[in-house]
Every structure is written in structure tokens, then in C-alpha cells.
Amino acid sequence: MLGPTIQRKFQNMTRDNEMTSVPYAALQEFAVNLVREVGPVALKYFRSEIPVINKSGSNQFDPVTQADREIEMLIRRRIESVYPTHGIVGEEEASREGDGLHRWIIDPIDGTRAYISGSPMWGILLGFQAREDCILGVMYQPYLNEMFTGIRGGGATFENGWGHRAIVTRKTTSLAEAILYCTHPSIFGNQQDLDRFLGIADRCRMMRYGGDCYAYGLLAYGLIDLVIEGGLAPYDIIPLIPIIEAAGGVVTNWEGGPATSGGRIIAVATLQLHEAALRLLS
């Protein structure tokens, strides 16, 4: 079921960093330090009476808070000062083109609905791409002090106040043994997509709603097996791709192609489980 694009991705997972003049280790250190630096901004507003603006301006609810905007501004300014030629794509401000080779992807608070509800199932996302390849991803949950990191050729790691460890996805190959997560059924654009999702959920051992970006961290950690969603923006998923792939998982769209454009996304612990789920989705 894997298309040529995804096959090439996995064949090239051990490539070195020829695509960028910046060493991967330096990028990782910079990204980890940066999300830690802005974490206190998120905590300052979390579980407080923070004004919420609806960006959609319609019957839909697309919330943004002052925390979202302050965090993205701080991240952008730091990237501009350290890597002035790099492009930047974020949720709240206009994109910056840069040199066309290096690009940072920012989601200042992924899971704003959880954030404004007082739930800790949100995170600060920062990713790095070189020529469209997802090289580095970081997901930081400052309230829990948990950091998920993945880097091309360097594995995935989890860090909290008790230590730092490598993480790998589970080895589940059967839907009957799998744990499936999705943020909410309303994330699917139409009834047909929801029905396809529910068809897979019926075959899984367990299905749970909720989590936003945190569910992808659970997948990389080896605690769940699938995340299936729709309606994602590129900044929702690009920073998470290196974390899951470095942990041994697979991330594609529902057609088996690259997930970098967002939309309908499936993230899975193993290739075999990915193939089984794609047969039902398509």
C-alpha cells in the first residue's frame, strides 16, 4: 500500500545532513532551548481568565489567545536573530520566505481548545524542514514539563523532570490489538470521512477522543498505536512527523502520500498496521 514517495522516505531515513549547512545537533539544541524559553508564557495564561478571539468570524469556532500570539512572536524573533536567512511558517503571523532551503514551522499552542478549557492536552510545536524534508520536530508541554523530540537519523527522545530516555513506537501489527486516538469526531470534514474513521475504530481494541498533539507524543512513546484525523493545517503536523518517524512510526495522508500539506492524516506505530488501516480508509 505504500506509494513510491513514502518508500523513498523510509529508504532515505539514514541520510546525513547534506541538505542543510546547519548541523542537526545545533538545530536540535536551539529548538529545545527555544520552546523551553517560551514555556513560561503559556503557563502565565493557562487556567486563567484569558480573553479568547474567534478567528473564523462565522458559526465555526477557531480560537486564538494572547498566549498563542506572544509565543509565536517570541519564537519568530529568536529564529530571525540566530538564523536570519531561514524561512518561517506559523499559525498566527504571515509566512517569511527566507532562503528557500531552510524553514521553521511553528504552532505556538496546538490544542487551543484544550488550553482554554484547562486541560493539559496541548503543546508548543516547533519543526524544521530542509527542502520540504521534515528534519527535526519538538513538542513541549510545559505544564507537565514533558518534551518529545525527534531528529532525522538521531532517534526520538522523551524528557521530563525525572530524566531523559529514547522512545520507540509499539510493534502492533493488527487493528484488533490497536489503540486508536482522535482529537474529536468534528475534525472530519464530512460524514463519509467520519464513517471511514469509525469503521477502523470498530476494528480496534480501544478508541479514545482527545489529545491534539499530545496523542502523537503518546504514539511515539509506545503507548498507543494509531492517530487518525482530518482538517489539519501543515503547522499542526509537520513538527510531529520527525518525532513519530524517528521513533519508528509512519505518518502519511489517507492516500499514503506525504503528510506535510495537512488535511486527512494517519500516524501509525508500524508499517503493517499502516497498510491495514489504509485499506479501510481508501
Protein backbone atom coordinates (compact mmCIF):
# COMPACT_ATOMS: atom_id res chain seq x y z
CA MET A 1 0.00 0.00 0.00
CA LEU A 2 2.94 2.38 0.40
CA GLY A 3 3.39 4.68 -2.59
CA PRO A 4 6.78 5.45 -4.15
CA THR A 5 7.04 8.74 -2.25
CA ILE A 6 6.75 7.09 1.16
CA GLN A 7 9.01 4.19 0.17
CA ARG A 8 11.73 6.67 -0.75
CA LYS A 9 11.24 8.48 2.55
CA PHE A 10 11.96 5.34 4.54
CA GLN A 11 14.87 4.34 2.32
CA ASN A 12 16.42 7.74 3.00
CA MET A 13 15.82 7.95 6.75
CA THR A 14 19.53 7.36 7.46
CA ARG A 15 20.81 10.09 5.17
CA ASP A 16 23.21 12.57 6.72
CA ASN A 17 22.59 16.31 6.80
CA GLU A 18 23.79 17.17 3.29
CA MET A 19 20.62 19.19 2.67
CA THR A 20 21.47 21.88 5.18
CA SER A 21 24.67 23.62 6.20
CA VAL A 22 23.46 23.74 9.80
CA PRO A 23 24.42 20.64 11.86
CA TYR A 24 21.40 18.73 13.08
CA ALA A 25 22.71 18.69 16.67
CA ALA A 26 22.88 22.50 16.71
CA LEU A 27 19.33 22.75 15.35
CA GLN A 28 18.05 20.37 17.99
CA GLU A 29 19.73 22.20 20.85
CA PHE A 30 18.42 25.52 19.57
CA ALA A 31 14.84 24.23 19.18
CA VAL A 32 14.72 22.53 22.59
CA ASN A 33 16.08 25.59 24.37
CA LEU A 34 13.70 27.87 22.50
CA VAL A 35 10.50 26.03 23.39
CA ARG A 36 11.63 25.85 27.00
CA GLU A 37 12.22 29.60 26.91
CA VAL A 38 8.65 30.36 25.81
CA GLY A 39 7.02 27.77 28.08
CA PRO A 40 6.52 30.27 30.94
CA VAL A 41 4.45 32.47 28.63
CA ALA A 42 1.98 29.62 28.11
CA LEU A 43 1.89 28.89 31.83
CA LYS A 44 1.29 32.56 32.69
CA TYR A 45 -2.09 32.43 30.95
CA PHE A 46 -3.02 28.77 31.49
CA ARG A 47 -6.06 28.21 33.74
CA SER A 48 -6.66 31.94 34.00
CA GLU A 49 -9.36 34.25 32.66
CA ILE A 50 -7.72 34.87 29.31
CA PRO A 51 -9.70 36.56 26.50
CA VAL A 52 -10.42 34.28 23.55
CA ILE A 53 -10.89 35.53 19.99
CA ASN A 54 -12.74 33.51 17.34
CA LYS A 55 -10.58 33.77 14.20
CA SER A 56 -13.18 32.22 11.92
CA GLY A 57 -15.67 35.07 12.21
CA SER A 58 -18.50 32.65 11.41
CA ASN A 59 -20.56 29.93 13.04
CA GLN A 60 -17.36 27.88 13.37
CA PHE A 61 -15.16 28.29 16.45
CA ASP A 62 -11.44 28.76 15.77
CA PRO A 63 -9.99 30.19 18.98
CA VAL A 64 -6.79 32.16 19.48
CA THR A 65 -5.46 33.67 22.70
CA GLN A 66 -2.86 36.21 23.71
CA ALA A 67 -0.65 33.27 24.69
CA ASP A 68 -0.70 31.95 21.10
CA ARG A 69 0.34 35.30 19.72
CA GLU A 70 3.03 36.09 22.29
CA ILE A 71 4.63 32.64 21.98
CA GLU A 72 4.79 32.75 18.19
CA MET A 73 6.19 36.28 18.23
CA LEU A 74 8.96 35.30 20.66
CA ILE A 75 9.85 32.17 18.67
CA ARG A 76 9.94 34.12 15.42
CA ARG A 77 12.15 36.84 16.83
CA ARG A 78 14.64 34.34 18.20
CA ILE A 79 14.81 32.41 14.89
CA GLU A 80 15.30 35.66 12.99
CA SER A 81 18.19 36.64 15.26
CA VAL A 82 20.00 33.28 15.14
CA TYR A 83 19.09 32.07 11.63
CA PRO A 84 18.25 35.26 9.69
CA THR A 85 18.12 33.55 6.28
CA HIS A 86 15.69 30.81 7.31
CA GLY A 87 12.04 30.84 6.32
CA ILE A 88 9.29 30.78 8.94
CA VAL A 89 5.74 29.44 8.74
CA GLY A 90 3.46 29.92 11.74
CA GLU A 91 -0.19 29.86 12.65
CA GLU A 92 -0.66 33.46 13.74
CA GLU A 93 1.61 35.61 11.56
CA ALA A 94 2.41 35.87 7.86
CA SER A 95 4.94 33.45 6.45
CA ARG A 96 8.51 34.53 5.78
CA GLU A 97 10.05 33.02 2.63
CA GLY A 98 13.73 33.03 3.61
CA ASP A 99 16.38 31.30 1.52
CA GLY A 100 14.03 28.65 0.13
CA LEU A 101 16.05 25.84 1.71
CA HIS A 102 15.66 26.10 5.49
CA ARG A 103 12.23 26.59 7.07
CA TRP A 104 10.88 26.60 10.62
CA ILE A 105 7.28 25.60 11.35
CA ILE A 106 5.56 26.99 14.45
CA ASP A 107 2.33 26.08 16.19
CA PRO A 108 2.51 28.19 19.36
CA ILE A 109 -0.23 26.27 21.15
CA ASP A 110 -1.51 23.17 19.42
CA GLY A 111 -4.75 22.32 21.19
CA THR A 112 -6.00 25.82 21.99
CA ARG A 113 -9.45 24.43 22.82
CA ALA A 114 -7.87 22.18 25.45
CA TYR A 115 -5.74 25.09 26.65
CA ILE A 116 -8.68 27.43 27.26
CA SER A 117 -10.60 24.57 28.92
CA GLY A 118 -7.86 23.98 31.49
CA SER A 119 -6.88 20.58 30.09
CA PRO A 120 -3.11 19.89 29.81
CA MET A 121 -3.54 18.08 26.47
CA TRP A 122 -1.85 20.82 24.42
CA GLY A 123 1.70 21.60 23.43
CA ILE A 124 4.12 24.02 21.82
CA LEU A 125 5.24 22.71 18.42
CA LEU A 126 8.40 23.65 16.55
CA GLY A 127 9.65 21.89 13.44
CA PHE A 128 12.45 22.34 10.93
CA GLN A 129 12.43 21.45 7.23
CA ALA A 130 15.18 21.36 4.63
CA ARG A 131 13.94 21.31 1.02
CA GLU A 132 10.49 20.16 2.22
CA ASP A 133 12.01 17.24 4.19
CA CYS A 134 10.97 17.13 7.84
CA ILE A 135 14.28 17.03 9.70
CA LEU A 136 13.51 17.99 13.29
CA GLY A 137 10.44 18.18 15.49
CA VAL A 138 9.82 19.22 19.08
CA MET A 139 6.64 19.05 21.13
CA TYR A 140 6.80 20.65 24.59
CA GLN A 141 4.12 20.51 27.28
CA PRO A 142 5.35 23.00 29.90
CA TYR A 143 2.61 22.34 32.48
CA LEU A 144 3.69 18.68 32.64
CA ASN A 145 7.33 19.58 31.87
CA GLU A 146 7.41 16.97 29.08
CA MET A 147 9.48 17.24 25.92
CA PHE A 148 9.15 14.97 22.88
CA THR A 149 11.91 15.34 20.28
CA GLY A 150 12.70 13.59 17.00
CA ILE A 151 15.52 14.20 14.54
CA ARG A 152 16.42 12.62 11.20
CA GLY A 153 18.91 9.82 11.80
CA GLY A 154 19.09 10.51 15.55
CA GLY A 155 16.10 8.79 17.08
CA ALA A 156 13.28 10.10 19.24
CA THR A 157 13.54 11.09 22.89
CA PHE A 158 11.29 11.94 25.82
CA GLU A 159 12.34 14.13 28.71
CA ASN A 160 10.64 15.24 31.90
CA GLY A 161 11.65 16.19 35.43
CA TRP A 162 12.70 12.61 36.16
CA GLY A 163 15.04 12.03 33.29
CA HIS A 164 15.67 11.59 29.58
CA ARG A 165 15.14 8.44 27.51
CA ALA A 166 14.90 7.15 23.96
CA ILE A 167 11.39 6.25 22.82
CA VAL A 168 10.11 3.86 20.16
CA THR A 169 6.67 3.03 18.84
CA ARG A 170 4.88 -0.18 19.74
CA LYS A 171 5.19 -3.24 17.48
CA THR A 172 1.46 -3.70 16.98
CA THR A 173 0.57 -5.06 13.52
CA SER A 174 -3.12 -5.93 13.95
CA LEU A 175 -6.03 -3.50 14.24
CA ALA A 176 -7.66 -5.90 16.69
CA GLU A 177 -4.80 -5.21 19.12
CA ALA A 178 -4.50 -1.48 18.44
CA ILE A 179 -5.36 1.61 20.47
CA LEU A 180 -6.71 4.45 18.31
CA TYR A 181 -6.87 8.16 19.16
CA CYS A 182 -8.54 11.14 17.50
CA THR A 183 -8.98 14.67 18.79
CA HIS A 184 -12.75 14.85 18.13
CA PRO A 185 -15.23 13.48 15.56
CA SER A 186 -15.94 17.03 14.35
CA ILE A 187 -12.39 17.18 12.96
CA PHE A 188 -13.54 15.24 9.89
CA GLY A 189 -14.81 17.32 7.00
CA ASN A 190 -17.80 15.19 6.06
CA GLN A 191 -19.86 12.20 7.12
CA GLN A 192 -18.09 9.84 4.72
CA ASP A 193 -14.71 10.54 6.32
CA LEU A 194 -16.18 10.11 9.78
CA ASP A 195 -17.74 6.81 8.73
CA ARG A 196 -14.37 5.58 7.45
CA PHE A 197 -12.76 6.50 10.74
CA LEU A 198 -15.50 4.77 12.72
CA GLY A 199 -15.09 1.68 10.52
CA ILE A 200 -11.48 1.44 11.70
CA ALA A 201 -12.43 2.26 15.29
CA ASP A 202 -14.84 -0.69 15.29
CA ARG A 203 -11.93 -3.00 14.48
CA CYS A 204 -9.57 -1.64 17.14
CA ARG A 205 -9.20 -2.84 20.70
CA MET A 206 -9.89 0.65 22.05
CA MET A 207 -10.63 4.13 20.74
CA ARG A 208 -10.37 7.41 22.63
CA TYR A 209 -11.10 11.04 21.73
CA GLY A 210 -8.93 13.94 22.87
CA GLY A 211 -5.24 14.69 22.91
CA ASP A 212 -4.49 17.04 19.99
CA CYS A 213 -0.69 16.99 19.55
CA TYR A 214 -0.25 15.07 22.81
CA ALA A 215 -1.78 11.97 21.21
CA TYR A 216 1.07 11.92 18.69
CA GLY A 217 3.51 12.04 21.58
CA LEU A 218 1.79 9.01 23.12
CA LEU A 219 2.18 7.23 19.78
CA ALA A 220 5.91 7.96 19.62
CA TYR A 221 6.31 6.94 23.27
CA GLY A 222 4.86 3.50 22.54
CA LEU A 223 1.60 3.81 24.47
CA ILE A 224 -0.93 3.91 21.60
CA ASP A 225 -0.90 2.67 18.00
CA LEU A 226 -2.83 4.99 15.69
CA VAL A 227 -3.91 8.60 15.38
CA ILE A 228 -6.36 9.34 12.54
CA GLU A 229 -7.60 12.88 11.90
CA GLY A 230 -8.82 15.30 9.25
CA GLY A 231 -8.72 19.02 8.64
CA LEU A 232 -5.16 19.56 9.90
CA ALA A 233 -3.06 22.52 8.81
CA PRO A 234 0.60 21.96 7.86
CA TYR A 235 1.79 23.55 11.12
CA ASP A 236 -0.38 21.05 13.06
CA ILE A 237 1.50 18.02 11.74
CA ILE A 238 4.94 18.95 10.30
CA PRO A 239 6.66 19.33 13.71
CA LEU A 240 5.23 15.95 14.78
CA ILE A 241 6.38 13.99 11.73
CA PRO A 242 10.09 13.74 12.73
CA ILE A 243 9.15 12.66 16.25
CA ILE A 244 6.98 9.78 15.08
CA GLU A 245 9.26 8.67 12.25
CA ALA A 246 12.37 8.80 14.43
CA ALA A 247 10.53 6.60 16.95
CA GLY A 248 9.85 4.04 14.20
CA GLY A 249 6.33 5.06 13.15
CA VAL A 250 4.71 6.11 9.89
CA VAL A 251 2.89 9.36 9.07
CA THR A 252 1.05 9.92 5.77
CA ASN A 253 -2.15 11.31 4.38
CA TRP A 254 -5.08 8.94 3.78
CA GLU A 255 -3.80 8.19 0.27
CA GLY A 256 -0.41 7.07 1.58
CA GLY A 257 1.37 10.22 0.39
CA PRO A 258 3.28 12.91 2.30
CA ALA A 259 1.52 14.42 5.30
CA THR A 260 3.23 17.81 5.05
CA SER A 261 0.24 19.55 3.44
CA GLY A 262 -2.00 18.63 6.37
CA GLY A 263 -5.58 17.59 5.70
CA ARG A 264 -6.51 13.97 6.41
CA ILE A 265 -3.68 12.41 8.38
CA ILE A 266 -2.88 8.95 9.70
CA ALA A 267 0.01 8.32 12.11
CA VAL A 268 0.74 4.68 12.92
CA ALA A 269 3.16 2.63 15.00
CA THR A 270 4.20 0.13 12.28
CA LEU A 271 4.19 -0.27 8.51
CA GLN A 272 1.95 -3.35 8.73
CA LEU A 273 -0.66 -1.50 10.77
CA HIS A 274 -0.42 1.45 8.40
CA GLU A 275 -1.19 -0.80 5.43
CA ALA A 276 -4.15 -2.40 7.22
CA ALA A 277 -5.65 0.99 8.12
CA LEU A 278 -5.10 2.47 4.64
CA ARG A 279 -7.03 -0.37 3.05
CA LEU A 280 -10.08 0.71 5.04
CA LEU A 281 -9.58 4.44 4.65
CA SER A 282 -9.24 4.26 0.88
